[in-house]
């Protein structure tokens, strides 16, 4: 595996920051979109309110995770780099680490 340059490391750091911030914004919007109509337009009891908040929290968490994974999964392809492909016949191993390679 080749060493990354400082520019590549900086680009990945920026991409991770972008993924986390955009994921947090999407999660906040998802939570607000799910909770606001139910809590402000309808007169809900305590149990129903807790259920709505629980479902909205779960949806927001899922939206956050999906957004972060989506952004980071696409990053190598946008930069013109491809992830290294596994060596055929030797799943999970790349490079010369075994005694048969010496």
PDB file of N, CA and C in Angstrom:
ATOM      1  N   UNK A   1       0.849  -1.170   0.000  1.00  0.00           N
ATOM      2  CA  UNK A   1       0.000   0.000   0.000  1.00  0.00           C
ATOM      3  C   UNK A   1       0.899   1.239   0.000  1.00  0.00           C
ATOM      4  N   UNK A   2       0.563   2.184  -0.824  1.00  0.00           N
ATOM      5  CA  UNK A   2       1.382   3.385  -0.922  1.00  0.00           C
ATOM      6  C   UNK A   2       1.013   4.376   0.177  1.00  0.00           C
ATOM      7  N   UNK A   3       1.976   5.202   0.527  1.00  0.00           N
ATOM      8  CA  UNK A   3       1.740   6.218   1.542  1.00  0.00           C
ATOM      9  C   UNK A   3       0.956   7.373   0.926  1.00  0.00           C
ATOM     10  N   UNK A   4       0.106   7.961   1.728  1.00  0.00           N
ATOM     11  CA  UNK A   4      -0.682   9.097   1.253  1.00  0.00           C
ATOM     12  C   UNK A   4       0.092  10.392   1.453  1.00  0.00           C
ATOM     13  N   UNK A   5      -0.124  11.310   0.544  1.00  0.00           N
ATOM     14  CA  UNK A   5       0.514  12.620   0.667  1.00  0.00           C
ATOM     15  C   UNK A   5      -0.262  13.456   1.674  1.00  0.00           C
ATOM     16  N   UNK A   6       0.331  14.548   2.086  1.00  0.00           N
ATOM     17  CA  UNK A   6      -0.346  15.453   3.023  1.00  0.00           C
ATOM     18  C   UNK A   6      -1.628  16.006   2.408  1.00  0.00           C
ATOM     19  N   UNK A   7      -1.599  16.296   1.116  1.00  0.00           N
ATOM     20  CA  UNK A   7      -2.796  16.808   0.439  1.00  0.00           C
ATOM     21  C   UNK A   7      -3.926  15.770   0.458  1.00  0.00           C
ATOM     22  N   UNK A   8      -3.591  14.501   0.260  1.00  0.00           N
ATOM     23  CA  UNK A   8      -4.609  13.449   0.300  1.00  0.00           C
ATOM     24  C   UNK A   8      -5.182  13.297   1.704  1.00  0.00           C
ATOM     25  N   UNK A   9      -4.319  13.371   2.721  1.00  0.00           N
ATOM     26  CA  UNK A   9      -4.799  13.276   4.101  1.00  0.00           C
ATOM     27  C   UNK A   9      -5.687  14.466   4.443  1.00  0.00           C
ATOM     28  N   UNK A  10      -5.300  15.660   3.988  1.00  0.00           N
ATOM     29  CA  UNK A  10      -6.119  16.845   4.230  1.00  0.00           C
ATOM     30  C   UNK A  10      -7.471  16.733   3.530  1.00  0.00           C
ATOM     31  N   UNK A  11      -7.465  16.231   2.309  1.00  0.00           N
ATOM     32  CA  UNK A  11      -8.716  16.069   1.567  1.00  0.00           C
ATOM     33  C   UNK A  11      -9.651  15.100   2.283  1.00  0.00           C
ATOM     34  N   UNK A  12      -9.099  14.030   2.819  1.00  0.00           N
ATOM     35  CA  UNK A  12      -9.937  13.070   3.535  1.00  0.00           C
ATOM     36  C   UNK A  12     -10.475  13.672   4.836  1.00  0.00           C
ATOM     37  N   UNK A  13      -9.655  14.475   5.506  1.00  0.00           N
ATOM     38  CA  UNK A  13     -10.113  15.129   6.731  1.00  0.00           C
ATOM     39  C   UNK A  13     -11.266  16.081   6.435  1.00  0.00           C
ATOM     40  N   UNK A  14     -11.148  16.848   5.372  1.00  0.00           N
ATOM     41  CA  UNK A  14     -12.220  17.760   4.982  1.00  0.00           C
ATOM     42  C   UNK A  14     -13.471  16.972   4.610  1.00  0.00           C
ATOM     43  N   UNK A  15     -13.286  15.872   3.913  1.00  0.00           N
ATOM     44  CA  UNK A  15     -14.438  15.056   3.495  1.00  0.00           C
ATOM     45  C   UNK A  15     -15.153  14.447   4.701  1.00  0.00           C
ATOM     46  N   UNK A  16     -14.398  14.008   5.691  1.00  0.00           N
ATOM     47  CA  UNK A  16     -15.008  13.461   6.905  1.00  0.00           C
ATOM     48  C   UNK A  16     -15.785  14.560   7.635  1.00  0.00           C
ATOM     49  N   UNK A  17     -15.191  15.741   7.727  1.00  0.00           N
ATOM     50  CA  UNK A  17     -15.888  16.858   8.362  1.00  0.00           C
ATOM     51  C   UNK A  17     -17.171  17.209   7.634  1.00  0.00           C
ATOM     52  N   UNK A  18     -17.103  17.241   6.306  1.00  0.00           N
ATOM     53  CA  UNK A  18     -18.294  17.520   5.507  1.00  0.00           C
ATOM     54  C   UNK A  18     -19.364  16.450   5.734  1.00  0.00           C
ATOM     55  N   UNK A  19     -18.950  15.197   5.765  1.00  0.00           N
ATOM     56  CA  UNK A  19     -19.907  14.103   5.954  1.00  0.00           C
ATOM     57  C   UNK A  19     -20.605  14.226   7.302  1.00  0.00           C
ATOM     58  N   UNK A  20     -19.847  14.526   8.348  1.00  0.00           N
ATOM     59  CA  UNK A  20     -20.431  14.611   9.689  1.00  0.00           C
ATOM     60  C   UNK A  20     -21.357  15.829   9.802  1.00  0.00           C
ATOM     61  N   UNK A  21     -20.927  16.978   9.293  1.00  0.00           N
ATOM     62  CA  UNK A  21     -21.757  18.178   9.387  1.00  0.00           C
ATOM     63  C   UNK A  21     -23.024  18.035   8.555  1.00  0.00           C
ATOM     64  N   UNK A  22     -22.897  17.553   7.322  1.00  0.00           N
ATOM     65  CA  UNK A  22     -24.100  17.398   6.500  1.00  0.00           C
ATOM     66  C   UNK A  22     -25.015  16.316   7.067  1.00  0.00           C
ATOM     67  N   UNK A  23     -24.435  15.289   7.678  1.00  0.00           N
ATOM     68  CA  UNK A  23     -25.250  14.272   8.333  1.00  0.00           C
ATOM     69  C   UNK A  23     -26.002  14.825   9.532  1.00  0.00           C
ATOM     70  N   UNK A  24     -25.335  15.698  10.299  1.00  0.00           N
ATOM     71  CA  UNK A  24     -25.993  16.308  11.459  1.00  0.00           C
ATOM     72  C   UNK A  24     -27.130  17.234  11.026  1.00  0.00           C
ATOM     73  N   UNK A  25     -26.912  17.988   9.961  1.00  0.00           N
ATOM     74  CA  UNK A  25     -27.971  18.871   9.452  1.00  0.00           C
ATOM     75  C   UNK A  25     -29.148  18.044   8.963  1.00  0.00           C
ATOM     76  N   UNK A  26     -28.869  16.991   8.220  1.00  0.00           N
ATOM     77  CA  UNK A  26     -29.948  16.127   7.731  1.00  0.00           C
ATOM     78  C   UNK A  26     -30.693  15.467   8.893  1.00  0.00           C
ATOM     79  N   UNK A  27     -29.970  15.030   9.915  1.00  0.00           N
ATOM     80  CA  UNK A  27     -30.605  14.412  11.081  1.00  0.00           C
ATOM     81  C   UNK A  27     -31.505  15.421  11.799  1.00  0.00           C
ATOM     82  N   UNK A  28     -31.036  16.656  11.959  1.00  0.00           N
ATOM     83  CA  UNK A  28     -31.843  17.679  12.619  1.00  0.00           C
ATOM     84  C   UNK A  28     -33.113  17.983  11.822  1.00  0.00           C
ATOM     85  N   UNK A  29     -32.970  18.069  10.508  1.00  0.00           N
ATOM     86  CA  UNK A  29     -34.144  18.327   9.670  1.00  0.00           C
ATOM     87  C   UNK A  29     -35.122  17.155   9.696  1.00  0.00           C
ATOM     88  N   UNK A  30     -34.591  15.951   9.705  1.00  0.00           N
ATOM     89  CA  UNK A  30     -35.447  14.763   9.778  1.00  0.00           C
ATOM     90  C   UNK A  30     -36.201  14.725  11.095  1.00  0.00           C
ATOM     91  N   UNK A  31     -35.488  14.997  12.196  1.00  0.00           N
ATOM     92  CA  UNK A  31     -36.122  15.000  13.511  1.00  0.00           C
ATOM     93  C   UNK A  31     -37.202  16.075  13.579  1.00  0.00           C
ATOM     94  N   UNK A  32     -36.869  17.284  13.142  1.00  0.00           N
ATOM     95  CA  UNK A  32     -37.839  18.378  13.192  1.00  0.00           C
ATOM     96  C   UNK A  32     -39.044  18.096  12.293  1.00  0.00           C
ATOM     97  N   UNK A  33     -38.781  17.526  11.127  1.00  0.00           N
ATOM     98  CA  UNK A  33     -39.872  17.218  10.212  1.00  0.00           C
ATOM     99  C   UNK A  33     -40.805  16.148  10.738  1.00  0.00           C
ATOM    100  N   UNK A  34     -40.261  15.224  11.515  1.00  0.00           N
ATOM    101  CA  UNK A  34     -41.096  14.156  12.061  1.00  0.00           C
ATOM    102  C   UNK A  34     -41.822  14.581  13.329  1.00  0.00           C
ATOM    103  N   UNK A  35     -41.200  15.437  14.127  1.00  0.00           N
ATOM    104  CA  UNK A  35     -41.769  15.797  15.421  1.00  0.00           C
ATOM    105  C   UNK A  35     -42.711  16.994  15.340  1.00  0.00           C
ATOM    106  N   UNK A  36     -42.347  17.986  14.564  1.00  0.00           N
ATOM    107  CA  UNK A  36     -43.104  19.238  14.561  1.00  0.00           C
ATOM    108  C   UNK A  36     -44.598  19.065  14.259  1.00  0.00           C
ATOM    109  N   UNK A  37     -44.965  18.401  13.181  1.00  0.00           N
ATOM    110  CA  UNK A  37     -46.408  18.284  12.913  1.00  0.00           C
ATOM    111  C   UNK A  37     -47.151  17.522  14.007  1.00  0.00           C
ATOM    112  N   UNK A  38     -46.553  16.457  14.500  1.00  0.00           N
ATOM    113  CA  UNK A  38     -47.244  15.640  15.489  1.00  0.00           C
ATOM    114  C   UNK A  38     -47.390  16.365  16.825  1.00  0.00           C
ATOM    115  N   UNK A  39     -46.385  17.106  17.227  1.00  0.00           N
ATOM    116  CA  UNK A  39     -46.428  17.733  18.542  1.00  0.00           C
ATOM    117  C   UNK A  39     -47.147  19.078  18.547  1.00  0.00           C
ATOM    118  N   UNK A  40     -47.109  19.801  17.432  1.00  0.00           N
ATOM    119  CA  UNK A  40     -47.699  21.135  17.424  1.00  0.00           C
ATOM    120  C   UNK A  40     -49.096  21.190  16.822  1.00  0.00           C
ATOM    121  N   UNK A  41     -49.445  20.225  15.997  1.00  0.00           N
ATOM    122  CA  UNK A  41     -50.761  20.255  15.367  1.00  0.00           C
ATOM    123  C   UNK A  41     -51.788  19.376  16.067  1.00  0.00           C
ATOM    124  N   UNK A  42     -51.317  18.385  16.798  1.00  0.00           N
ATOM    125  CA  UNK A  42     -52.230  17.457  17.450  1.00  0.00           C
ATOM    126  C   UNK A  42     -52.028  17.511  18.959  1.00  0.00           C
ATOM    127  N   UNK A  43     -53.102  17.281  19.688  1.00  0.00           N
ATOM    128  CA  UNK A  43     -53.018  17.223  21.145  1.00  0.00           C
ATOM    129  C   UNK A  43     -52.778  15.763  21.536  1.00  0.00           C
ATOM    130  N   UNK A  44     -51.514  15.427  21.802  1.00  0.00           N
ATOM    131  CA  UNK A  44     -51.144  14.054  22.097  1.00  0.00           C
ATOM    132  C   UNK A  44     -50.981  13.851  23.596  1.00  0.00           C
ATOM    133  N   UNK A  45     -51.234  12.639  24.012  1.00  0.00           N
ATOM    134  CA  UNK A  45     -50.975  12.278  25.398  1.00  0.00           C
ATOM    135  C   UNK A  45     -49.480  12.031  25.606  1.00  0.00           C
ATOM    136  N   UNK A  46     -49.119  11.783  26.849  1.00  0.00           N
ATOM    137  CA  UNK A  46     -47.709  11.587  27.185  1.00  0.00           C
ATOM    138  C   UNK A  46     -47.112  10.379  26.465  1.00  0.00           C
ATOM    139  N   UNK A  47     -47.830   9.273  26.430  1.00  0.00           N
ATOM    140  CA  UNK A  47     -47.312   8.064  25.783  1.00  0.00           C
ATOM    141  C   UNK A  47     -47.139   8.268  24.283  1.00  0.00           C
ATOM    142  N   UNK A  48     -48.130   8.842  23.638  1.00  0.00           N
ATOM    143  CA  UNK A  48     -48.048   9.083  22.195  1.00  0.00           C
ATOM    144  C   UNK A  48     -46.920  10.062  21.876  1.00  0.00           C
ATOM    145  N   UNK A  49     -46.746  11.069  22.713  1.00  0.00           N
ATOM    146  CA  UNK A  49     -45.666  12.038  22.510  1.00  0.00           C
ATOM    147  C   UNK A  49     -44.303  11.352  22.614  1.00  0.00           C
ATOM    148  N   UNK A  50     -44.139  10.471  23.592  1.00  0.00           N
ATOM    149  CA  UNK A  50     -42.881   9.739  23.748  1.00  0.00           C
ATOM    150  C   UNK A  50     -42.613   8.813  22.562  1.00  0.00           C
ATOM    151  N   UNK A  51     -43.661   8.196  22.043  1.00  0.00           N
ATOM    152  CA  UNK A  51     -43.507   7.323  20.882  1.00  0.00           C
ATOM    153  C   UNK A  51     -43.079   8.137  19.659  1.00  0.00           C
ATOM    154  N   UNK A  52     -43.712   9.290  19.454  1.00  0.00           N
ATOM    155  CA  UNK A  52     -43.366  10.137  18.315  1.00  0.00           C
ATOM    156  C   UNK A  52     -41.914  10.597  18.437  1.00  0.00           C
ATOM    157  N   UNK A  53     -41.502  11.008  19.610  1.00  0.00           N
ATOM    158  CA  UNK A  53     -40.117  11.458  19.806  1.00  0.00           C
ATOM    159  C   UNK A  53     -39.143  10.298  19.603  1.00  0.00           C
ATOM    160  N   UNK A  54     -39.495   9.114  20.068  1.00  0.00           N
ATOM    161  CA  UNK A  54     -38.637   7.941  19.870  1.00  0.00           C
ATOM    162  C   UNK A  54     -38.478   7.575  18.404  1.00  0.00           C
ATOM    163  N   UNK A  55     -39.573   7.593  17.676  1.00  0.00           N
ATOM    164  CA  UNK A  55     -39.522   7.279  16.241  1.00  0.00           C
ATOM    165  C   UNK A  55     -38.740   8.355  15.492  1.00  0.00           C
ATOM    166  N   UNK A  56     -38.942   9.603  15.848  1.00  0.00           N
ATOM    167  CA  UNK A  56     -38.205  10.689  15.194  1.00  0.00           C
ATOM    168  C   UNK A  56     -36.711  10.598  15.493  1.00  0.00           C
ATOM    169  N   UNK A  57     -36.357  10.223  16.710  1.00  0.00           N
ATOM    170  CA  UNK A  57     -34.945  10.066  17.062  1.00  0.00           C
ATOM    171  C   UNK A  57     -34.309   8.932  16.269  1.00  0.00           C
ATOM    172  N   UNK A  58     -35.023   7.818  16.152  1.00  0.00           N
ATOM    173  CA  UNK A  58     -34.507   6.692  15.381  1.00  0.00           C
ATOM    174  C   UNK A  58     -34.348   7.061  13.905  1.00  0.00           C
ATOM    175  N   UNK A  59     -35.320   7.775  13.362  1.00  0.00           N
ATOM    176  CA  UNK A  59     -35.239   8.197  11.959  1.00  0.00           C
ATOM    177  C   UNK A  59     -34.080   9.170  11.750  1.00  0.00           C
ATOM    178  N   UNK A  60     -33.877  10.075  12.690  1.00  0.00           N
ATOM    179  CA  UNK A  60     -32.776  11.031  12.587  1.00  0.00           C
ATOM    180  C   UNK A  60     -31.430  10.320  12.669  1.00  0.00           C
ATOM    181  N   UNK A  61     -31.312   9.362  13.565  1.00  0.00           N
ATOM    182  CA  UNK A  61     -30.067   8.590  13.670  1.00  0.00           C
ATOM    183  C   UNK A  61     -29.774   7.810  12.406  1.00  0.00           C
ATOM    184  N   UNK A  62     -30.792   7.201  11.846  1.00  0.00           N
ATOM    185  CA  UNK A  62     -30.627   6.455  10.601  1.00  0.00           C
ATOM    186  C   UNK A  62     -30.241   7.388   9.453  1.00  0.00           C
ATOM    187  N   UNK A  63     -30.870   8.555   9.380  1.00  0.00           N
ATOM    188  CA  UNK A  63     -30.539   9.520   8.326  1.00  0.00           C
ATOM    189  C   UNK A  63     -29.086   9.970   8.453  1.00  0.00           C
ATOM    190  N   UNK A  64     -28.632  10.192   9.687  1.00  0.00           N
ATOM    191  CA  UNK A  64     -27.242  10.608   9.911  1.00  0.00           C
ATOM    192  C   UNK A  64     -26.269   9.541   9.421  1.00  0.00           C
ATOM    193  N   UNK A  65     -26.490   8.318   9.832  1.00  0.00           N
ATOM    194  CA  UNK A  65     -25.582   7.232   9.454  1.00  0.00           C
ATOM    195  C   UNK A  65     -25.577   7.025   7.943  1.00  0.00           C
ATOM    196  N   UNK A  66     -26.739   7.010   7.341  1.00  0.00           N
ATOM    197  CA  UNK A  66     -26.809   6.812   5.890  1.00  0.00           C
ATOM    198  C   UNK A  66     -26.118   7.939   5.129  1.00  0.00           C
ATOM    199  N   UNK A  67     -26.265   9.167   5.601  1.00  0.00           N
ATOM    200  CA  UNK A  67     -25.612  10.292   4.921  1.00  0.00           C
ATOM    201  C   UNK A  67     -24.089  10.209   5.030  1.00  0.00           C
ATOM    202  N   UNK A  68     -23.583   9.902   6.217  1.00  0.00           N
ATOM    203  CA  UNK A  68     -22.137   9.805   6.395  1.00  0.00           C
ATOM    204  C   UNK A  68     -21.567   8.679   5.540  1.00  0.00           C
ATOM    205  N   UNK A  69     -22.216   7.532   5.551  1.00  0.00           N
ATOM    206  CA  UNK A  69     -21.739   6.403   4.745  1.00  0.00           C
ATOM    207  C   UNK A  69     -21.792   6.751   3.261  1.00  0.00           C
ATOM    208  N   UNK A  70     -22.863   7.383   2.824  1.00  0.00           N
ATOM    209  CA  UNK A  70     -23.004   7.742   1.411  1.00  0.00           C
ATOM    210  C   UNK A  70     -21.896   8.693   0.964  1.00  0.00           C
ATOM    211  N   UNK A  71     -21.628   9.720   1.757  1.00  0.00           N
ATOM    212  CA  UNK A  71     -20.602  10.700   1.378  1.00  0.00           C
ATOM    213  C   UNK A  71     -19.226  10.055   1.368  1.00  0.00           C
ATOM    214  N   UNK A  72     -18.901   9.283   2.390  1.00  0.00           N
ATOM    215  CA  UNK A  72     -17.560   8.697   2.468  1.00  0.00           C
ATOM    216  C   UNK A  72     -17.364   7.558   1.473  1.00  0.00           C
ATOM    217  N   UNK A  73     -18.415   6.853   1.133  1.00  0.00           N
ATOM    218  CA  UNK A  73     -18.310   5.763   0.166  1.00  0.00           C
ATOM    219  C   UNK A  73     -17.979   6.302  -1.225  1.00  0.00           C
ATOM    220  N   UNK A  74     -18.535   7.467  -1.559  1.00  0.00           N
ATOM    221  CA  UNK A  74     -18.317   8.047  -2.880  1.00  0.00           C
ATOM    222  C   UNK A  74     -16.999   8.804  -2.997  1.00  0.00           C
ATOM    223  N   UNK A  75     -16.348   9.127  -1.902  1.00  0.00           N
ATOM    224  CA  UNK A  75     -15.160   9.985  -1.943  1.00  0.00           C
ATOM    225  C   UNK A  75     -14.044   9.454  -2.832  1.00  0.00           C
ATOM    226  N   UNK A  76     -13.599   8.197  -2.722  1.00  0.00           N
ATOM    227  CA  UNK A  76     -12.497   7.751  -3.586  1.00  0.00           C
ATOM    228  C   UNK A  76     -12.845   7.809  -5.071  1.00  0.00           C
ATOM    229  N   UNK A  77     -14.082   7.560  -5.429  1.00  0.00           N
ATOM    230  CA  UNK A  77     -14.477   7.570  -6.829  1.00  0.00           C
ATOM    231  C   UNK A  77     -14.501   8.985  -7.391  1.00  0.00           C
ATOM    232  N   UNK A  78     -14.888   9.971  -6.585  1.00  0.00           N
ATOM    233  CA  UNK A  78     -14.915  11.352  -7.051  1.00  0.00           C
ATOM    234  C   UNK A  78     -13.520  11.891  -7.280  1.00  0.00           C
ATOM    235  N   UNK A  79     -12.577  11.444  -6.496  1.00  0.00           N
ATOM    236  CA  UNK A  79     -11.206  11.922  -6.608  1.00  0.00           C
ATOM    237  C   UNK A  79     -10.443  11.234  -7.742  1.00  0.00           C
ATOM    238  N   UNK A  80     -11.083  10.292  -8.416  1.00  0.00           N
ATOM    239  CA  UNK A  80     -10.430   9.597  -9.507  1.00  0.00           C
ATOM    240  C   UNK A  80      -9.616   8.404  -9.045  1.00  0.00           C
ATOM    241  N   UNK A  81      -9.681   8.082  -7.779  1.00  0.00           N
ATOM    242  CA  UNK A  81      -8.962   6.931  -7.238  1.00  0.00           C
ATOM    243  C   UNK A  81      -9.949   5.796  -7.044  1.00  0.00           C
ATOM    244  N   UNK A  82      -9.443   4.621  -7.172  1.00  0.00           N
ATOM    245  CA  UNK A  82     -10.274   3.454  -6.899  1.00  0.00           C
ATOM    246  C   UNK A  82      -9.700   2.717  -5.709  1.00  0.00           C
ATOM    247  N   UNK A  83     -10.568   2.098  -4.977  1.00  0.00           N
ATOM    248  CA  UNK A  83     -10.108   1.289  -3.869  1.00  0.00           C
ATOM    249  C   UNK A  83      -9.377   0.074  -4.419  1.00  0.00           C
ATOM    250  N   UNK A  84      -8.326  -0.393  -3.745  1.00  0.00           N
ATOM    251  CA  UNK A  84      -7.594  -1.544  -4.270  1.00  0.00           C
ATOM    252  C   UNK A  84      -8.483  -2.784  -4.323  1.00  0.00           C
ATOM    253  N   UNK A  85      -8.389  -3.478  -5.420  1.00  0.00           N
ATOM    254  CA  UNK A  85      -9.176  -4.698  -5.604  1.00  0.00           C
ATOM    255  C   UNK A  85      -8.453  -5.864  -4.946  1.00  0.00           C
ATOM    256  N   UNK A  86      -9.197  -6.813  -4.394  1.00  0.00           N
ATOM    257  CA  UNK A  86      -8.547  -7.979  -3.802  1.00  0.00           C
ATOM    258  C   UNK A  86      -7.866  -8.828  -4.866  1.00  0.00           C
ATOM    259  N   UNK A  87      -6.803  -9.487  -4.474  1.00  0.00           N
ATOM    260  CA  UNK A  87      -6.067 -10.354  -5.387  1.00  0.00           C
ATOM    261  C   UNK A  87      -6.892 -11.616  -5.614  1.00  0.00           C
ATOM    262  N   UNK A  88      -7.152 -12.008  -6.874  1.00  0.00           N
ATOM    263  CA  UNK A  88      -7.954 -13.206  -7.127  1.00  0.00           C
ATOM    264  C   UNK A  88      -7.291 -14.451  -6.521  1.00  0.00           C
ATOM    265  N   UNK A  89      -8.115 -15.275  -5.932  1.00  0.00           N
ATOM    266  CA  UNK A  89      -7.612 -16.517  -5.349  1.00  0.00           C
ATOM    267  C   UNK A  89      -7.044 -16.344  -3.948  1.00  0.00           C
ATOM    268  N   UNK A  90      -6.934 -15.122  -3.488  1.00  0.00           N
ATOM    269  CA  UNK A  90      -6.405 -14.852  -2.154  1.00  0.00           C
ATOM    270  C   UNK A  90      -7.279 -13.784  -1.495  1.00  0.00           C
ATOM    271  N   UNK A  91      -8.493 -14.157  -1.114  1.00  0.00           N
ATOM    272  CA  UNK A  91      -9.402 -13.153  -0.554  1.00  0.00           C
ATOM    273  C   UNK A  91      -8.869 -12.560   0.747  1.00  0.00           C
ATOM    274  N   UNK A  92      -9.016 -11.251   0.863  1.00  0.00           N
ATOM    275  CA  UNK A  92      -8.642 -10.578   2.094  1.00  0.00           C
ATOM    276  C   UNK A  92      -7.170 -10.294   2.235  1.00  0.00           C
ATOM    277  N   UNK A  93      -6.356 -10.671   1.246  1.00  0.00           N
ATOM    278  CA  UNK A  93      -4.919 -10.449   1.365  1.00  0.00           C
ATOM    279  C   UNK A  93      -4.422  -9.669   0.163  1.00  0.00           C
ATOM    280  N   UNK A  94      -3.629  -8.681   0.420  1.00  0.00           N
ATOM    281  CA  UNK A  94      -2.967  -7.964  -0.656  1.00  0.00           C
ATOM    282  C   UNK A  94      -1.558  -7.646  -0.192  1.00  0.00           C
ATOM    283  N   UNK A  95      -0.612  -7.790  -1.057  1.00  0.00           N
ATOM    284  CA  UNK A  95       0.766  -7.542  -0.671  1.00  0.00           C
ATOM    285  C   UNK A  95       1.470  -8.817  -0.312  1.00  0.00           C
ATOM    286  N   UNK A  96       2.738  -8.704   0.060  1.00  0.00           N
ATOM    287  CA  UNK A  96       3.535  -9.897   0.380  1.00  0.00           C
ATOM    288  C   UNK A  96       3.732  -9.996   1.877  1.00  0.00           C
ATOM    289  N   UNK A  97       2.835 -10.724   2.522  1.00  0.00           N
ATOM    290  CA  UNK A  97       2.933 -10.879   3.968  1.00  0.00           C
ATOM    291  C   UNK A  97       3.125 -12.325   4.389  1.00  0.00           C
ATOM    292  N   UNK A  98       2.892 -13.240   3.481  1.00  0.00           N
ATOM    293  CA  UNK A  98       2.973 -14.652   3.837  1.00  0.00           C
ATOM    294  C   UNK A  98       4.324 -15.259   3.466  1.00  0.00           C
ATOM    295  N   UNK A  99       4.644 -16.424   4.018  1.00  0.00           N
ATOM    296  CA  UNK A  99       5.907 -17.072   3.721  1.00  0.00           C
ATOM    297  C   UNK A  99       6.010 -17.541   2.274  1.00  0.00           C
ATOM    298  N   UNK A 100       4.852 -17.783   1.609  1.00  0.00           N
ATOM    299  CA  UNK A 100       4.912 -18.250   0.219  1.00  0.00           C
ATOM    300  C   UNK A 100       5.336 -17.136  -0.724  1.00  0.00           C
ATOM    301  N   UNK A 101       5.311 -15.892  -0.272  1.00  0.00           N
ATOM    302  CA  UNK A 101       5.703 -14.768  -1.092  1.00  0.00           C
ATOM    303  C   UNK A 101       7.212 -14.481  -1.032  1.00  0.00           C
ATOM    304  N   UNK A 102       7.918 -15.157  -0.180  1.00  0.00           N
ATOM    305  CA  UNK A 102       9.355 -14.880  -0.028  1.00  0.00           C
ATOM    306  C   UNK A 102      10.186 -15.675  -0.975  1.00  0.00           C
TER     307      UNK A 102
END
